[in-house]
Amino acid sequence: MDRSIRPFSSANRRDHLVVNAAVGGDHFPQARVEGAAGEIADATRESAQFGVRATLDGIDMIGLNAYKDSVVSRLYKGLTRLIEDRGIAVVEGRGSLVAPDTVEVDGRRYV
């Protein structure tokens, strides 16, 4: 289990998921988008061997980062909704177990 994710079930049976980062993490989607951009650039450079005339003017890092951020955001929202649809509250922040039945996240306590 990712160290940033700590499931917590309270005494009133309301389940909470405390996350210190994006639900599901964001490293894989970021790496995948950047990897895909590299593969597209490589394919463009090698396209002549297939009879395709293509040129690569460079990579628009602002555009690539905007696309990457949209992918990560969409995945985060989708995973968060799946979790919430199952009756689990997603609490963003860094949590500490302060009692056997209480977790504190950024100054707020959840029982």
C-alpha atoms as a PDB file:
ATOM      1  CA  MET A   1       0.000   0.000   0.000  1.00  0.00           C
ATOM      2  CA  ASP A   2       1.242   3.491  -0.815  1.00  0.00           C
ATOM      3  CA  ARG A   3       2.583   5.157   2.349  1.00  0.00           C
ATOM      4  CA  SER A   4       0.540   8.304   1.621  1.00  0.00           C
ATOM      5  CA  ILE A   5      -2.743   6.388   1.952  1.00  0.00           C
ATOM      6  CA  ARG A   6      -4.042   5.409   5.378  1.00  0.00           C
ATOM      7  CA  PRO A   7      -7.528   3.872   5.611  1.00  0.00           C
ATOM      8  CA  PHE A   8      -9.311   4.668   8.884  1.00  0.00           C
ATOM      9  CA  SER A   9     -12.650   3.359  10.108  1.00  0.00           C
ATOM     10  CA  SER A  10     -14.301   5.431  12.810  1.00  0.00           C
ATOM     11  CA  ALA A  11     -16.448   4.373  15.745  1.00  0.00           C
ATOM     12  CA  ASN A  12     -19.640   5.549  14.031  1.00  0.00           C
ATOM     13  CA  ARG A  13     -18.798   3.266  11.087  1.00  0.00           C
ATOM     14  CA  ARG A  14     -18.158   6.160   8.712  1.00  0.00           C
ATOM     15  CA  ASP A  15     -15.078   5.142   6.804  1.00  0.00           C
ATOM     16  CA  HIS A  16     -12.375   7.672   5.960  1.00  0.00           C
ATOM     17  CA  LEU A  17      -9.411   7.552   3.640  1.00  0.00           C
ATOM     18  CA  VAL A  18      -6.710  10.036   4.620  1.00  0.00           C
ATOM     19  CA  VAL A  19      -4.440  10.965   1.734  1.00  0.00           C
ATOM     20  CA  ASN A  20      -1.307  13.066   1.781  1.00  0.00           C
ATOM     21  CA  ALA A  21      -1.113  13.104  -2.027  1.00  0.00           C
ATOM     22  CA  ALA A  22      -3.387  12.522  -4.997  1.00  0.00           C
ATOM     23  CA  VAL A  23      -5.497   9.376  -4.602  1.00  0.00           C
ATOM     24  CA  GLY A  24      -3.756   6.705  -6.632  1.00  0.00           C
ATOM     25  CA  GLY A  25      -0.582   8.778  -6.863  1.00  0.00           C
ATOM     26  CA  ASP A  26       0.444  10.874  -9.806  1.00  0.00           C
ATOM     27  CA  HIS A  27       3.848   9.465 -10.742  1.00  0.00           C
ATOM     28  CA  PHE A  28       2.623   6.779 -13.148  1.00  0.00           C
ATOM     29  CA  PRO A  29       0.305   9.033 -15.218  1.00  0.00           C
ATOM     30  CA  GLN A  30       2.989  11.725 -15.412  1.00  0.00           C
ATOM     31  CA  ALA A  31       5.641   9.263 -16.529  1.00  0.00           C
ATOM     32  CA  ARG A  32       3.263   7.662 -19.031  1.00  0.00           C
ATOM     33  CA  VAL A  33       2.342  10.966 -20.694  1.00  0.00           C
ATOM     34  CA  GLU A  34       5.984  12.046 -20.899  1.00  0.00           C
ATOM     35  CA  GLY A  35       6.948   8.606 -22.220  1.00  0.00           C
ATOM     36  CA  ALA A  36       4.236   8.755 -24.891  1.00  0.00           C
ATOM     37  CA  ALA A  37       5.507  12.155 -26.043  1.00  0.00           C
ATOM     38  CA  GLY A  38       8.985  10.684 -26.413  1.00  0.00           C
ATOM     39  CA  GLU A  39       7.638   7.720 -28.379  1.00  0.00           C
ATOM     40  CA  ILE A  40       5.758  10.052 -30.727  1.00  0.00           C
ATOM     41  CA  ALA A  41       8.911  12.121 -31.251  1.00  0.00           C
ATOM     42  CA  ASP A  42      10.929   8.972 -31.985  1.00  0.00           C
ATOM     43  CA  ALA A  43       8.294   7.692 -34.418  1.00  0.00           C
ATOM     44  CA  THR A  44       8.284  11.047 -36.219  1.00  0.00           C
ATOM     45  CA  ARG A  45      12.080  10.960 -36.595  1.00  0.00           C
ATOM     46  CA  GLU A  46      11.900   7.406 -37.991  1.00  0.00           C
ATOM     47  CA  SER A  47       8.837   7.936 -40.192  1.00  0.00           C
ATOM     48  CA  ALA A  48      10.787   8.196 -43.477  1.00  0.00           C
ATOM     49  CA  GLN A  49      11.583   4.469 -43.401  1.00  0.00           C
ATOM     50  CA  PHE A  50       7.839   3.863 -43.750  1.00  0.00           C
ATOM     51  CA  GLY A  51       7.402   6.353 -46.548  1.00  0.00           C
ATOM     52  CA  VAL A  52       5.893   8.998 -44.316  1.00  0.00           C
ATOM     53  CA  ARG A  53       7.257  12.527 -44.567  1.00  0.00           C
ATOM     54  CA  ALA A  54       7.054  14.118 -41.144  1.00  0.00           C
ATOM     55  CA  THR A  55       9.080  16.657 -39.286  1.00  0.00           C
ATOM     56  CA  LEU A  56       9.558  17.277 -35.630  1.00  0.00           C
ATOM     57  CA  ASP A  57       9.813  20.935 -34.702  1.00  0.00           C
ATOM     58  CA  GLY A  58      10.289  20.154 -31.018  1.00  0.00           C
ATOM     59  CA  ILE A  59       8.197  19.432 -27.976  1.00  0.00           C
ATOM     60  CA  ASP A  60       5.940  22.132 -26.537  1.00  0.00           C
ATOM     61  CA  MET A  61       6.620  21.588 -22.828  1.00  0.00           C
ATOM     62  CA  ILE A  62       3.854  23.992 -21.772  1.00  0.00           C
ATOM     63  CA  GLY A  63       1.345  22.056 -23.873  1.00  0.00           C
ATOM     64  CA  LEU A  64       2.712  18.680 -22.721  1.00  0.00           C
ATOM     65  CA  ASN A  65       2.510  19.715 -19.062  1.00  0.00           C
ATOM     66  CA  ALA A  66      -1.041  21.040 -19.509  1.00  0.00           C
ATOM     67  CA  TYR A  67      -2.099  17.720 -21.078  1.00  0.00           C
ATOM     68  CA  LYS A  68      -0.319  15.743 -18.339  1.00  0.00           C
ATOM     69  CA  ASP A  69      -2.036  17.808 -15.624  1.00  0.00           C
ATOM     70  CA  SER A  70      -5.436  17.213 -17.234  1.00  0.00           C
ATOM     71  CA  VAL A  71      -4.829  13.439 -17.295  1.00  0.00           C
ATOM     72  CA  VAL A  72      -3.734  13.360 -13.638  1.00  0.00           C
ATOM     73  CA  SER A  73      -6.687  15.543 -12.602  1.00  0.00           C
ATOM     74  CA  ARG A  74      -9.198  13.388 -14.474  1.00  0.00           C
ATOM     75  CA  LEU A  75      -7.821  10.171 -12.945  1.00  0.00           C
ATOM     76  CA  TYR A  76      -7.739  11.723  -9.453  1.00  0.00           C
ATOM     77  CA  LYS A  77     -11.344  12.892  -9.729  1.00  0.00           C
ATOM     78  CA  GLY A  78     -12.452   9.497 -11.044  1.00  0.00           C
ATOM     79  CA  LEU A  79     -10.760   7.535  -8.264  1.00  0.00           C
ATOM     80  CA  THR A  80     -12.020   9.950  -5.613  1.00  0.00           C
ATOM     81  CA  ARG A  81     -15.572   9.576  -6.890  1.00  0.00           C
ATOM     82  CA  LEU A  82     -15.330   5.761  -6.896  1.00  0.00           C
ATOM     83  CA  ILE A  83     -14.174   5.849  -3.282  1.00  0.00           C
ATOM     84  CA  GLU A  84     -16.864   8.335  -2.207  1.00  0.00           C
ATOM     85  CA  ASP A  85     -19.572   6.350  -4.036  1.00  0.00           C
ATOM     86  CA  ARG A  86     -18.772   3.490  -1.659  1.00  0.00           C
ATOM     87  CA  GLY A  87     -19.500   5.681   1.375  1.00  0.00           C
ATOM     88  CA  ILE A  88     -15.872   6.470   2.199  1.00  0.00           C
ATOM     89  CA  ALA A  89     -14.964  10.092   2.909  1.00  0.00           C
ATOM     90  CA  VAL A  90     -11.714  11.233   1.310  1.00  0.00           C
ATOM     91  CA  VAL A  91      -9.827  13.535   3.675  1.00  0.00           C
ATOM     92  CA  GLU A  92      -6.892  15.358   2.137  1.00  0.00           C
ATOM     93  CA  GLY A  93      -3.931  16.172   4.356  1.00  0.00           C
ATOM     94  CA  ARG A  94      -1.422  14.591   6.664  1.00  0.00           C
ATOM     95  CA  GLY A  95      -3.021  12.524   9.416  1.00  0.00           C
ATOM     96  CA  SER A  96      -1.961  11.219  12.806  1.00  0.00           C
ATOM     97  CA  LEU A  97      -3.653   8.641  14.982  1.00  0.00           C
ATOM     98  CA  VAL A  98      -4.238  10.577  18.234  1.00  0.00           C
ATOM     99  CA  ALA A  99      -6.428   8.008  20.019  1.00  0.00           C
ATOM    100  CA  PRO A 100      -7.484   4.426  19.307  1.00  0.00           C
ATOM    101  CA  ASP A 101     -10.589   5.705  17.515  1.00  0.00           C
ATOM    102  CA  THR A 102      -9.505   9.194  16.389  1.00  0.00           C
ATOM    103  CA  VAL A 103      -7.328  10.515  13.600  1.00  0.00           C
ATOM    104  CA  GLU A 104      -6.297  14.149  13.321  1.00  0.00           C
ATOM    105  CA  VAL A 105      -5.789  15.649   9.888  1.00  0.00           C
ATOM    106  CA  ASP A 106      -4.356  19.171   9.715  1.00  0.00           C
ATOM    107  CA  GLY A 107      -5.867  20.108  13.078  1.00  0.00           C
ATOM    108  CA  ARG A 108      -9.312  18.551  12.528  1.00  0.00           C
ATOM    109  CA  ARG A 109     -10.267  15.349  14.324  1.00  0.00           C
ATOM    110  CA  TYR A 110     -12.246  12.478  12.797  1.00  0.00           C
ATOM    111  CA  VAL A 111     -13.811   9.873  15.091  1.00  0.00           C
END
